[in-house]
Amino acid sequence: MAGEERRRSQRVMIRVPVTLLIAEGSQTLRIPGHTVEVNIHGALVKCPRSVDADTELEMQNGRTEETIGCRVTRPPRESSDGFLIPLEFRTQSSNFWQITFPPSNWKAPEN
């Protein structure tokens, strides 16, 4: 099955400011970033620094200030202006991004 056909939910390309909050001993590391795409299970986030795969963290939505628990699902990919970090919510949340997602059977029109 192609990746699009196995997805658990539709992805939406949207730029939302976020902050990754990572506990380091008694301190919290704060990494600013923004989403590249989101779904009800998580997001692909672009940040200025990398975060190791399987790292547990909190992500704060810069628009709503709401936070949610996440895990880095795979090693981040380096891009020309940062790192692309794939994050999965600990529990799916259809309301975290405050947007309406398209139905699961929706397909973009072909050009």
PDB file of N, CA and C in Angstrom:
ATOM      1  N   MET A   1       0.827  -1.192   0.000  1.00  0.00           N
ATOM      2  CA  MET A   1       0.000   0.000   0.000  1.00  0.00           C
ATOM      3  C   MET A   1       0.868   1.251   0.000  1.00  0.00           C
ATOM      4  N   ALA A   2       0.532   2.200  -0.810  1.00  0.00           N
ATOM      5  CA  ALA A   2       1.263   3.462  -0.834  1.00  0.00           C
ATOM      6  C   ALA A   2       1.031   4.205   0.469  1.00  0.00           C
ATOM      7  N   GLY A   3       1.964   5.093   0.819  1.00  0.00           N
ATOM      8  CA  GLY A   3       1.888   5.842   2.073  1.00  0.00           C
ATOM      9  C   GLY A   3       0.577   6.573   2.264  1.00  0.00           C
ATOM     10  N   GLU A   4       0.088   7.228   1.211  1.00  0.00           N
ATOM     11  CA  GLU A   4      -1.169   7.969   1.317  1.00  0.00           C
ATOM     12  C   GLU A   4      -2.324   7.047   1.662  1.00  0.00           C
ATOM     13  N   GLU A   5      -2.320   5.823   1.146  1.00  0.00           N
ATOM     14  CA  GLU A   5      -3.425   4.903   1.373  1.00  0.00           C
ATOM     15  C   GLU A   5      -3.397   4.287   2.764  1.00  0.00           C
ATOM     16  N   ARG A   6      -2.237   4.255   3.435  1.00  0.00           N
ATOM     17  CA  ARG A   6      -2.167   3.675   4.772  1.00  0.00           C
ATOM     18  C   ARG A   6      -2.300   4.710   5.875  1.00  0.00           C
ATOM     19  N   ARG A   7      -2.362   5.966   5.547  1.00  0.00           N
ATOM     20  CA  ARG A   7      -2.428   7.002   6.573  1.00  0.00           C
ATOM     21  C   ARG A   7      -3.657   6.817   7.443  1.00  0.00           C
ATOM     22  N   ARG A   8      -3.472   7.091   8.746  1.00  0.00           N
ATOM     23  CA  ARG A   8      -4.588   6.965   9.685  1.00  0.00           C
ATOM     24  C   ARG A   8      -5.544   8.138   9.573  1.00  0.00           C
ATOM     25  N   SER A   9      -5.041   9.291   9.148  1.00  0.00           N
ATOM     26  CA  SER A   9      -5.904  10.465   8.987  1.00  0.00           C
ATOM     27  C   SER A   9      -5.299  11.388   7.938  1.00  0.00           C
ATOM     28  N   GLN A  10      -6.132  12.279   7.416  1.00  0.00           N
ATOM     29  CA  GLN A  10      -5.693  13.212   6.386  1.00  0.00           C
ATOM     30  C   GLN A  10      -4.677  14.197   6.954  1.00  0.00           C
ATOM     31  N   ARG A  11      -3.689  14.522   6.152  1.00  0.00           N
ATOM     32  CA  ARG A  11      -2.714  15.550   6.506  1.00  0.00           C
ATOM     33  C   ARG A  11      -3.157  16.869   5.897  1.00  0.00           C
ATOM     34  N   VAL A  12      -2.891  17.943   6.632  1.00  0.00           N
ATOM     35  CA  VAL A  12      -3.198  19.281   6.154  1.00  0.00           C
ATOM     36  C   VAL A  12      -1.918  20.098   6.245  1.00  0.00           C
ATOM     37  N   MET A  13      -1.546  20.730   5.136  1.00  0.00           N
ATOM     38  CA  MET A  13      -0.363  21.589   5.154  1.00  0.00           C
ATOM     39  C   MET A  13      -0.774  22.935   5.721  1.00  0.00           C
ATOM     40  N   ILE A  14      -0.206  23.266   6.881  1.00  0.00           N
ATOM     41  CA  ILE A  14      -0.517  24.522   7.557  1.00  0.00           C
ATOM     42  C   ILE A  14       0.671  24.897   8.429  1.00  0.00           C
ATOM     43  N   ARG A  15       0.947  26.181   8.505  1.00  0.00           N
ATOM     44  CA  ARG A  15       2.063  26.672   9.316  1.00  0.00           C
ATOM     45  C   ARG A  15       1.505  27.230  10.631  1.00  0.00           C
ATOM     46  N   VAL A  16       1.806  26.532  11.709  1.00  0.00           N
ATOM     47  CA  VAL A  16       1.375  26.942  13.043  1.00  0.00           C
ATOM     48  C   VAL A  16       2.638  27.073  13.895  1.00  0.00           C
ATOM     49  N   PRO A  17       2.831  28.199  14.581  1.00  0.00           N
ATOM     50  CA  PRO A  17       3.999  28.305  15.465  1.00  0.00           C
ATOM     51  C   PRO A  17       3.847  27.339  16.645  1.00  0.00           C
ATOM     52  N   VAL A  18       4.926  26.634  16.969  1.00  0.00           N
ATOM     53  CA  VAL A  18       4.925  25.698  18.085  1.00  0.00           C
ATOM     54  C   VAL A  18       6.219  25.859  18.876  1.00  0.00           C
ATOM     55  N   THR A  19       6.194  25.362  20.097  1.00  0.00           N
ATOM     56  CA  THR A  19       7.393  25.261  20.918  1.00  0.00           C
ATOM     57  C   THR A  19       7.469  23.840  21.427  1.00  0.00           C
ATOM     58  N   LEU A  20       8.617  23.192  21.227  1.00  0.00           N
ATOM     59  CA  LEU A  20       8.837  21.859  21.769  1.00  0.00           C
ATOM     60  C   LEU A  20       9.438  22.025  23.153  1.00  0.00           C
ATOM     61  N   LEU A  21       8.867  21.342  24.129  1.00  0.00           N
ATOM     62  CA  LEU A  21       9.299  21.434  25.527  1.00  0.00           C
ATOM     63  C   LEU A  21       9.859  20.076  25.935  1.00  0.00           C
ATOM     64  N   ILE A  22      11.172  20.048  26.197  1.00  0.00           N
ATOM     65  CA  ILE A  22      11.850  18.793  26.517  1.00  0.00           C
ATOM     66  C   ILE A  22      12.448  18.897  27.910  1.00  0.00           C
ATOM     67  N   ALA A  23      12.056  17.978  28.794  1.00  0.00           N
ATOM     68  CA  ALA A  23      12.584  17.959  30.163  1.00  0.00           C
ATOM     69  C   ALA A  23      14.028  17.473  30.135  1.00  0.00           C
ATOM     70  N   GLU A  24      14.917  18.265  30.711  1.00  0.00           N
ATOM     71  CA  GLU A  24      16.329  17.894  30.853  1.00  0.00           C
ATOM     72  C   GLU A  24      16.696  18.096  32.317  1.00  0.00           C
ATOM     73  N   GLY A  25      16.570  17.016  33.096  1.00  0.00           N
ATOM     74  CA  GLY A  25      16.803  17.132  34.534  1.00  0.00           C
ATOM     75  C   GLY A  25      15.759  18.026  35.155  1.00  0.00           C
ATOM     76  N   SER A  26      16.206  19.049  35.869  1.00  0.00           N
ATOM     77  CA  SER A  26      15.270  19.964  36.529  1.00  0.00           C
ATOM     78  C   SER A  26      14.892  21.144  35.634  1.00  0.00           C
ATOM     79  N   GLN A  27      15.403  21.182  34.414  1.00  0.00           N
ATOM     80  CA  GLN A  27      15.134  22.295  33.513  1.00  0.00           C
ATOM     81  C   GLN A  27      14.314  21.813  32.310  1.00  0.00           C
ATOM     82  N   THR A  28      13.712  22.749  31.613  1.00  0.00           N
ATOM     83  CA  THR A  28      12.954  22.448  30.403  1.00  0.00           C
ATOM     84  C   THR A  28      13.595  23.182  29.236  1.00  0.00           C
ATOM     85  N   LEU A  29      14.011  22.416  28.229  1.00  0.00           N
ATOM     86  CA  LEU A  29      14.559  22.982  27.012  1.00  0.00           C
ATOM     87  C   LEU A  29      13.386  23.400  26.130  1.00  0.00           C
ATOM     88  N   ARG A  30      13.417  24.624  25.615  1.00  0.00           N
ATOM     89  CA  ARG A  30      12.349  25.158  24.767  1.00  0.00           C
ATOM     90  C   ARG A  30      12.911  25.373  23.366  1.00  0.00           C
ATOM     91  N   ILE A  31      12.353  24.661  22.385  1.00  0.00           N
ATOM     92  CA  ILE A  31      12.811  24.773  20.999  1.00  0.00           C
ATOM     93  C   ILE A  31      11.673  25.345  20.159  1.00  0.00           C
ATOM     94  N   PRO A  32      11.854  26.551  19.611  1.00  0.00           N
ATOM     95  CA  PRO A  32      10.809  27.128  18.762  1.00  0.00           C
ATOM     96  C   PRO A  32      10.789  26.454  17.401  1.00  0.00           C
ATOM     97  N   GLY A  33       9.637  26.459  16.775  1.00  0.00           N
ATOM     98  CA  GLY A  33       9.513  25.890  15.440  1.00  0.00           C
ATOM     99  C   GLY A  33       8.153  26.208  14.860  1.00  0.00           C
ATOM    100  N   HIS A  34       7.817  25.519  13.777  1.00  0.00           N
ATOM    101  CA  HIS A  34       6.498  25.673  13.170  1.00  0.00           C
ATOM    102  C   HIS A  34       6.152  24.383  12.438  1.00  0.00           C
ATOM    103  N   THR A  35       4.867  24.158  12.283  1.00  0.00           N
ATOM    104  CA  THR A  35       4.426  22.956  11.594  1.00  0.00           C
ATOM    105  C   THR A  35       4.595  23.127  10.085  1.00  0.00           C
ATOM    106  N   VAL A  36       4.790  21.994   9.429  1.00  0.00           N
ATOM    107  CA  VAL A  36       4.797  21.928   7.973  1.00  0.00           C
ATOM    108  C   VAL A  36       3.486  21.280   7.529  1.00  0.00           C
ATOM    109  N   GLU A  37       3.110  20.227   8.252  1.00  0.00           N
ATOM    110  CA  GLU A  37       1.824  19.575   8.026  1.00  0.00           C
ATOM    111  C   GLU A  37       1.353  18.993   9.346  1.00  0.00           C
ATOM    112  N   VAL A  38       0.031  18.849   9.473  1.00  0.00           N
ATOM    113  CA  VAL A  38      -0.565  18.359  10.716  1.00  0.00           C
ATOM    114  C   VAL A  38      -1.636  17.321  10.402  1.00  0.00           C
ATOM    115  N   ASN A  39      -1.974  16.507  11.391  1.00  0.00           N
ATOM    116  CA  ASN A  39      -3.143  15.626  11.339  1.00  0.00           C
ATOM    117  C   ASN A  39      -3.608  15.388  12.766  1.00  0.00           C
ATOM    118  N   ILE A  40      -4.625  14.561  12.948  1.00  0.00           N
ATOM    119  CA  ILE A  40      -5.156  14.372  14.303  1.00  0.00           C
ATOM    120  C   ILE A  40      -4.253  13.494  15.155  1.00  0.00           C
ATOM    121  N   HIS A  41      -3.208  12.940  14.544  1.00  0.00           N
ATOM    122  CA  HIS A  41      -2.277  12.083  15.271  1.00  0.00           C
ATOM    123  C   HIS A  41      -0.945  12.763  15.565  1.00  0.00           C
ATOM    124  N   GLY A  42      -0.709  13.968  15.029  1.00  0.00           N
ATOM    125  CA  GLY A  42       0.565  14.629  15.259  1.00  0.00           C
ATOM    126  C   GLY A  42       0.881  15.674  14.223  1.00  0.00           C
ATOM    127  N   ALA A  43       2.202  15.790  13.906  1.00  0.00           N
ATOM    128  CA  ALA A  43       2.631  16.834  12.977  1.00  0.00           C
ATOM    129  C   ALA A  43       4.048  16.576  12.492  1.00  0.00           C
ATOM    130  N   LEU A  44       4.383  17.232  11.410  1.00  0.00           N
ATOM    131  CA  LEU A  44       5.763  17.340  10.961  1.00  0.00           C
ATOM    132  C   LEU A  44       6.148  18.772  11.282  1.00  0.00           C
ATOM    133  N   VAL A  45       7.182  18.923  12.108  1.00  0.00           N
ATOM    134  CA  VAL A  45       7.572  20.232  12.630  1.00  0.00           C
ATOM    135  C   VAL A  45       8.974  20.575  12.151  1.00  0.00           C
ATOM    136  N   LYS A  46       9.173  21.833  11.751  1.00  0.00           N
ATOM    137  CA  LYS A  46      10.503  22.312  11.368  1.00  0.00           C
ATOM    138  C   LYS A  46      11.062  23.128  12.526  1.00  0.00           C
ATOM    139  N   CYS A  47      12.280  22.752  12.971  1.00  0.00           N
ATOM    140  CA  CYS A  47      12.946  23.415  14.096  1.00  0.00           C
ATOM    141  C   CYS A  47      14.401  23.697  13.747  1.00  0.00           C
ATOM    142  N   PRO A  48      15.035  24.634  14.452  1.00  0.00           N
ATOM    143  CA  PRO A  48      16.437  24.954  14.167  1.00  0.00           C
ATOM    144  C   PRO A  48      17.424  23.899  14.669  1.00  0.00           C
ATOM    145  N   ARG A  49      16.955  22.978  15.514  1.00  0.00           N
ATOM    146  CA  ARG A  49      17.861  21.923  15.998  1.00  0.00           C
ATOM    147  C   ARG A  49      17.143  20.585  15.968  1.00  0.00           C
ATOM    148  N   SER A  50      17.915  19.525  15.960  1.00  0.00           N
ATOM    149  CA  SER A  50      17.382  18.171  15.882  1.00  0.00           C
ATOM    150  C   SER A  50      16.958  17.665  17.260  1.00  0.00           C
ATOM    151  N   VAL A  51      16.078  16.681  17.268  1.00  0.00           N
ATOM    152  CA  VAL A  51      15.656  15.992  18.483  1.00  0.00           C
ATOM    153  C   VAL A  51      15.699  14.505  18.164  1.00  0.00           C
ATOM    154  N   ASP A  52      16.316  13.718  19.029  1.00  0.00           N
ATOM    155  CA  ASP A  52      16.490  12.288  18.780  1.00  0.00           C
ATOM    156  C   ASP A  52      15.160  11.547  18.645  1.00  0.00           C
ATOM    157  N   ALA A  53      15.162  10.512  17.804  1.00  0.00           N
ATOM    158  CA  ALA A  53      13.993   9.632  17.665  1.00  0.00           C
ATOM    159  C   ALA A  53      13.649   9.047  19.020  1.00  0.00           C
ATOM    160  N   ASP A  54      12.381   8.817  19.268  1.00  0.00           N
ATOM    161  CA  ASP A  54      11.815   8.257  20.495  1.00  0.00           C
ATOM    162  C   ASP A  54      11.860   9.200  21.694  1.00  0.00           C
ATOM    163  N   THR A  55      12.276  10.447  21.496  1.00  0.00           N
ATOM    164  CA  THR A  55      12.248  11.425  22.584  1.00  0.00           C
ATOM    165  C   THR A  55      10.800  11.750  22.932  1.00  0.00           C
ATOM    166  N   GLU A  56      10.475  11.706  24.218  1.00  0.00           N
ATOM    167  CA  GLU A  56       9.157  12.108  24.711  1.00  0.00           C
ATOM    168  C   GLU A  56       9.237  13.600  25.044  1.00  0.00           C
ATOM    169  N   LEU A  57       8.227  14.363  24.632  1.00  0.00           N
ATOM    170  CA  LEU A  57       8.241  15.798  24.866  1.00  0.00           C
ATOM    171  C   LEU A  57       6.825  16.332  24.902  1.00  0.00           C
ATOM    172  N   GLU A  58       6.703  17.603  25.183  1.00  0.00           N
ATOM    173  CA  GLU A  58       5.429  18.314  25.104  1.00  0.00           C
ATOM    174  C   GLU A  58       5.551  19.313  23.961  1.00  0.00           C
ATOM    175  N   MET A  59       4.458  19.499  23.218  1.00  0.00           N
ATOM    176  CA  MET A  59       4.435  20.507  22.170  1.00  0.00           C
ATOM    177  C   MET A  59       3.373  21.533  22.528  1.00  0.00           C
ATOM    178  N   GLN A  60       3.759  22.806  22.434  1.00  0.00           N
ATOM    179  CA  GLN A  60       2.820  23.895  22.728  1.00  0.00           C
ATOM    180  C   GLN A  60       2.409  24.565  21.426  1.00  0.00           C
ATOM    181  N   ASN A  61       1.109  24.680  21.226  1.00  0.00           N
ATOM    182  CA  ASN A  61       0.544  25.366  20.070  1.00  0.00           C
ATOM    183  C   ASN A  61       0.677  26.865  20.321  1.00  0.00           C
ATOM    184  N   GLY A  62       1.409  27.568  19.464  1.00  0.00           N
ATOM    185  CA  GLY A  62       1.645  29.001  19.650  1.00  0.00           C
ATOM    186  C   GLY A  62       0.415  29.862  19.463  1.00  0.00           C
ATOM    187  N   ARG A  63      -0.614  29.334  18.813  1.00  0.00           N
ATOM    188  CA  ARG A  63      -1.852  30.100  18.619  1.00  0.00           C
ATOM    189  C   ARG A  63      -2.788  30.000  19.816  1.00  0.00           C
ATOM    190  N   THR A  64      -2.813  28.814  20.453  1.00  0.00           N
ATOM    191  CA  THR A  64      -3.771  28.596  21.541  1.00  0.00           C
ATOM    192  C   THR A  64      -3.105  28.461  22.910  1.00  0.00           C
ATOM    193  N   GLU A  65      -1.771  28.282  22.934  1.00  0.00           N
ATOM    194  CA  GLU A  65      -0.988  28.036  24.153  1.00  0.00           C
ATOM    195  C   GLU A  65      -1.278  26.666  24.772  1.00  0.00           C
ATOM    196  N   GLU A  66      -2.100  25.845  24.115  1.00  0.00           N
ATOM    197  CA  GLU A  66      -2.392  24.493  24.599  1.00  0.00           C
ATOM    198  C   GLU A  66      -1.162  23.611  24.386  1.00  0.00           C
ATOM    199  N   THR A  67      -0.931  22.667  25.305  1.00  0.00           N
ATOM    200  CA  THR A  67       0.170  21.723  25.153  1.00  0.00           C
ATOM    201  C   THR A  67      -0.374  20.300  25.050  1.00  0.00           C
ATOM    202  N   ILE A  68       0.428  19.435  24.404  1.00  0.00           N
ATOM    203  CA  ILE A  68       0.050  18.040  24.246  1.00  0.00           C
ATOM    204  C   ILE A  68       1.320  17.193  24.273  1.00  0.00           C
ATOM    205  N   GLY A  69       1.221  16.006  24.847  1.00  0.00           N
ATOM    206  CA  GLY A  69       2.349  15.085  24.896  1.00  0.00           C
ATOM    207  C   GLY A  69       2.611  14.462  23.540  1.00  0.00           C
ATOM    208  N   CYS A  70       3.889  14.323  23.191  1.00  0.00           N
ATOM    209  CA  CYS A  70       4.291  13.789  21.882  1.00  0.00           C
ATOM    210  C   CYS A  70       5.509  12.886  22.016  1.00  0.00           C
ATOM    211  N   ARG A  71       5.779  12.183  20.916  1.00  0.00           N
ATOM    212  CA  ARG A  71       6.985  11.368  20.782  1.00  0.00           C
ATOM    213  C   ARG A  71       7.534  11.573  19.383  1.00  0.00           C
ATOM    214  N   VAL A  72       8.869  11.691  19.268  1.00  0.00           N
ATOM    215  CA  VAL A  72       9.517  11.776  17.959  1.00  0.00           C
ATOM    216  C   VAL A  72       9.500  10.368  17.374  1.00  0.00           C
ATOM    217  N   THR A  73       8.863  10.186  16.218  1.00  0.00           N
ATOM    218  CA  THR A  73       8.644   8.842  15.685  1.00  0.00           C
ATOM    219  C   THR A  73       9.812   8.274  14.886  1.00  0.00           C
ATOM    220  N   ARG A  74      10.583   9.121  14.239  1.00  0.00           N
ATOM    221  CA  ARG A  74      11.720   8.690  13.414  1.00  0.00           C
ATOM    222  C   ARG A  74      12.836   9.715  13.549  1.00  0.00           C
ATOM    223  N   PRO A  75      14.035   9.370  13.115  1.00  0.00           N
ATOM    224  CA  PRO A  75      15.104  10.381  13.121  1.00  0.00           C
ATOM    225  C   PRO A  75      14.716  11.571  12.244  1.00  0.00           C
ATOM    226  N   PRO A  76      14.936  12.783  12.722  1.00  0.00           N
ATOM    227  CA  PRO A  76      14.628  13.978  11.932  1.00  0.00           C
ATOM    228  C   PRO A  76      15.471  14.030  10.665  1.00  0.00           C
ATOM    229  N   ARG A  77      14.930  14.698   9.636  1.00  0.00           N
ATOM    230  CA  ARG A  77      15.659  14.929   8.389  1.00  0.00           C
ATOM    231  C   ARG A  77      16.155  16.371   8.388  1.00  0.00           C
ATOM    232  N   GLU A  78      17.414  16.543   8.004  1.00  0.00           N
ATOM    233  CA  GLU A  78      17.953  17.897   7.915  1.00  0.00           C
ATOM    234  C   GLU A  78      17.502  18.531   6.607  1.00  0.00           C
ATOM    235  N   SER A  79      17.110  19.799   6.680  1.00  0.00           N
ATOM    236  CA  SER A  79      16.733  20.547   5.485  1.00  0.00           C
ATOM    237  C   SER A  79      17.610  21.787   5.424  1.00  0.00           C
ATOM    238  N   SER A  80      17.451  22.576   4.391  1.00  0.00           N
ATOM    239  CA  SER A  80      18.298  23.754   4.212  1.00  0.00           C
ATOM    240  C   SER A  80      18.122  24.795   5.320  1.00  0.00           C
ATOM    241  N   ASP A  81      16.979  24.800   5.982  1.00  0.00           N
ATOM    242  CA  ASP A  81      16.737  25.816   7.010  1.00  0.00           C
ATOM    243  C   ASP A  81      16.273  25.225   8.336  1.00  0.00           C
ATOM    244  N   GLY A  82      16.702  24.012   8.639  1.00  0.00           N
ATOM    245  CA  GLY A  82      16.350  23.418   9.929  1.00  0.00           C
ATOM    246  C   GLY A  82      16.209  21.914   9.829  1.00  0.00           C
ATOM    247  N   PHE A  83      15.511  21.357  10.806  1.00  0.00           N
ATOM    248  CA  PHE A  83      15.297  19.919  10.878  1.00  0.00           C
ATOM    249  C   PHE A  83      13.806  19.631  10.828  1.00  0.00           C
ATOM    250  N   LEU A  84      13.419  18.631  10.046  1.00  0.00           N
ATOM    251  CA  LEU A  84      12.027  18.200   9.962  1.00  0.00           C
ATOM    252  C   LEU A  84      11.834  17.068  10.950  1.00  0.00           C
ATOM    253  N   ILE A  85      11.022  17.322  11.976  1.00  0.00           N
ATOM    254  CA  ILE A  85      10.853  16.394  13.092  1.00  0.00           C
ATOM    255  C   ILE A  85       9.434  15.820  13.059  1.00  0.00           C
ATOM    256  N   PRO A  86       9.303  14.497  12.854  1.00  0.00           N
ATOM    257  CA  PRO A  86       7.981  13.868  12.843  1.00  0.00           C
ATOM    258  C   PRO A  86       7.525  13.558  14.277  1.00  0.00           C
ATOM    259  N   LEU A  87       6.392  14.115  14.662  1.00  0.00           N
ATOM    260  CA  LEU A  87       5.875  13.948  16.018  1.00  0.00           C
ATOM    261  C   LEU A  87       4.529  13.244  16.014  1.00  0.00           C
ATOM    262  N   GLU A  88       4.334  12.365  16.966  1.00  0.00           N
ATOM    263  CA  GLU A  88       3.068  11.667  17.148  1.00  0.00           C
ATOM    264  C   GLU A  88       2.531  12.023  18.527  1.00  0.00           C
ATOM    265  N   PHE A  89       1.252  12.417  18.588  1.00  0.00           N
ATOM    266  CA  PHE A  89       0.622  12.690  19.876  1.00  0.00           C
ATOM    267  C   PHE A  89       0.538  11.399  20.682  1.00  0.00           C
ATOM    268  N   ARG A  90       0.631  11.508  22.009  1.00  0.00           N
ATOM    269  CA  ARG A  90       0.425  10.329  22.857  1.00  0.00           C
ATOM    270  C   ARG A  90      -1.007   9.827  22.737  1.00  0.00           C
ATOM    271  N   THR A  91      -1.934  10.748  22.556  1.00  0.00           N
ATOM    272  CA  THR A  91      -3.352  10.427  22.348  1.00  0.00           C
ATOM    273  C   THR A  91      -3.851  11.292  21.204  1.00  0.00           C
ATOM    274  N   GLN A  92      -4.538  10.697  20.221  1.00  0.00           N
ATOM    275  CA  GLN A  92      -5.001  11.502  19.087  1.00  0.00           C
ATOM    276  C   GLN A  92      -5.868  12.654  19.575  1.00  0.00           C
ATOM    277  N   SER A  93      -5.804  13.758  18.853  1.00  0.00           N
ATOM    278  CA  SER A  93      -6.558  14.949  19.227  1.00  0.00           C
ATOM    279  C   SER A  93      -7.049  15.659  17.974  1.00  0.00           C
ATOM    280  N   SER A  94      -8.318  15.571  17.715  1.00  0.00           N
ATOM    281  CA  SER A  94      -8.868  16.227  16.533  1.00  0.00           C
ATOM    282  C   SER A  94      -9.023  17.730  16.735  1.00  0.00           C
ATOM    283  N   ASN A  95      -8.885  18.222  17.974  1.00  0.00           N
ATOM    284  CA  ASN A  95      -9.088  19.649  18.246  1.00  0.00           C
ATOM    285  C   ASN A  95      -7.817  20.429  18.536  1.00  0.00           C
ATOM    286  N   PHE A  96      -6.676  19.774  18.655  1.00  0.00           N
ATOM    287  CA  PHE A  96      -5.454  20.484  19.052  1.00  0.00           C
ATOM    288  C   PHE A  96      -5.089  21.606  18.076  1.00  0.00           C
ATOM    289  N   TRP A  97      -5.279  21.381  16.790  1.00  0.00           N
ATOM    290  CA  TRP A  97      -4.884  22.377  15.789  1.00  0.00           C
ATOM    291  C   TRP A  97      -5.976  23.410  15.534  1.00  0.00           C
ATOM    292  N   GLN A  98      -7.168  23.197  16.063  1.00  0.00           N
ATOM    293  CA  GLN A  98      -8.285  24.138  15.893  1.00  0.00           C
ATOM    294  C   GLN A  98      -8.619  24.348  14.409  1.00  0.00           C
ATOM    295  N   ILE A  99      -8.588  23.236  13.633  1.00  0.00           N
ATOM    296  CA  ILE A  99      -8.998  23.280  12.235  1.00  0.00           C
ATOM    297  C   ILE A  99      -9.924  22.094  11.977  1.00  0.00           C
ATOM    298  N   THR A 100     -10.634  22.146  10.872  1.00  0.00           N
ATOM    299  CA  THR A 100     -11.488  21.033  10.455  1.00  0.00           C
ATOM    300  C   THR A 100     -10.732  20.237   9.403  1.00  0.00           C
ATOM    301  N   PHE A 101     -10.579  18.938   9.655  1.00  0.00           N
ATOM    302  CA  PHE A 101      -9.863  18.075   8.726  1.00  0.00           C
ATOM    303  C   PHE A 101     -10.811  17.546   7.660  1.00  0.00           C
ATOM    304  N   PRO A 102     -10.282  17.329   6.440  1.00  0.00           N
ATOM    305  CA  PRO A 102     -11.116  16.743   5.392  1.00  0.00           C
ATOM    306  C   PRO A 102     -11.468  15.299   5.738  1.00  0.00           C
ATOM    307  N   PRO A 103     -12.524  14.752   5.163  1.00  0.00           N
ATOM    308  CA  PRO A 103     -12.869  13.353   5.429  1.00  0.00           C
ATOM    309  C   PRO A 103     -11.761  12.422   4.947  1.00  0.00           C
ATOM    310  N   SER A 104     -11.678  11.237   5.523  1.00  0.00           N
ATOM    311  CA  SER A 104     -10.598  10.302   5.221  1.00  0.00           C
ATOM    312  C   SER A 104     -10.566   9.865   3.760  1.00  0.00           C
ATOM    313  N   ASN A 105     -11.689   9.933   3.058  1.00  0.00           N
ATOM    314  CA  ASN A 105     -11.714   9.509   1.650  1.00  0.00           C
ATOM    315  C   ASN A 105     -11.518  10.672   0.677  1.00  0.00           C
ATOM    316  N   TRP A 106     -11.189  11.844   1.182  1.00  0.00           N
ATOM    317  CA  TRP A 106     -11.000  13.014   0.331  1.00  0.00           C
ATOM    318  C   TRP A 106      -9.700  12.897  -0.446  1.00  0.00           C
ATOM    319  N   LYS A 107      -9.735  13.261  -1.708  1.00  0.00           N
ATOM    320  CA  LYS A 107      -8.546  13.294  -2.567  1.00  0.00           C
ATOM    321  C   LYS A 107      -8.433  14.669  -3.207  1.00  0.00           C
ATOM    322  N   ALA A 108      -7.212  15.180  -3.305  1.00  0.00           N
ATOM    323  CA  ALA A 108      -6.988  16.451  -3.966  1.00  0.00           C
ATOM    324  C   ALA A 108      -7.268  16.299  -5.457  1.00  0.00           C
ATOM    325  N   PRO A 109      -7.829  17.327  -6.088  1.00  0.00           N
ATOM    326  CA  PRO A 109      -8.074  17.235  -7.523  1.00  0.00           C
ATOM    327  C   PRO A 109      -6.753  17.170  -8.275  1.00  0.00           C
ATOM    328  N   GLU A 110      -6.746  16.379  -9.353  1.00  0.00           N
ATOM    329  CA  GLU A 110      -5.536  16.285 -10.162  1.00  0.00           C
ATOM    330  C   GLU A 110      -5.509  17.425 -11.159  1.00  0.00           C
ATOM    331  N   ASN A 111      -4.320  17.964 -11.388  1.00  0.00           N
ATOM    332  CA  ASN A 111      -4.172  19.081 -12.332  1.00  0.00           C
ATOM    333  C   ASN A 111      -4.067  18.591 -13.733  1.00  0.00           C
TER     334      ASN A 111
END
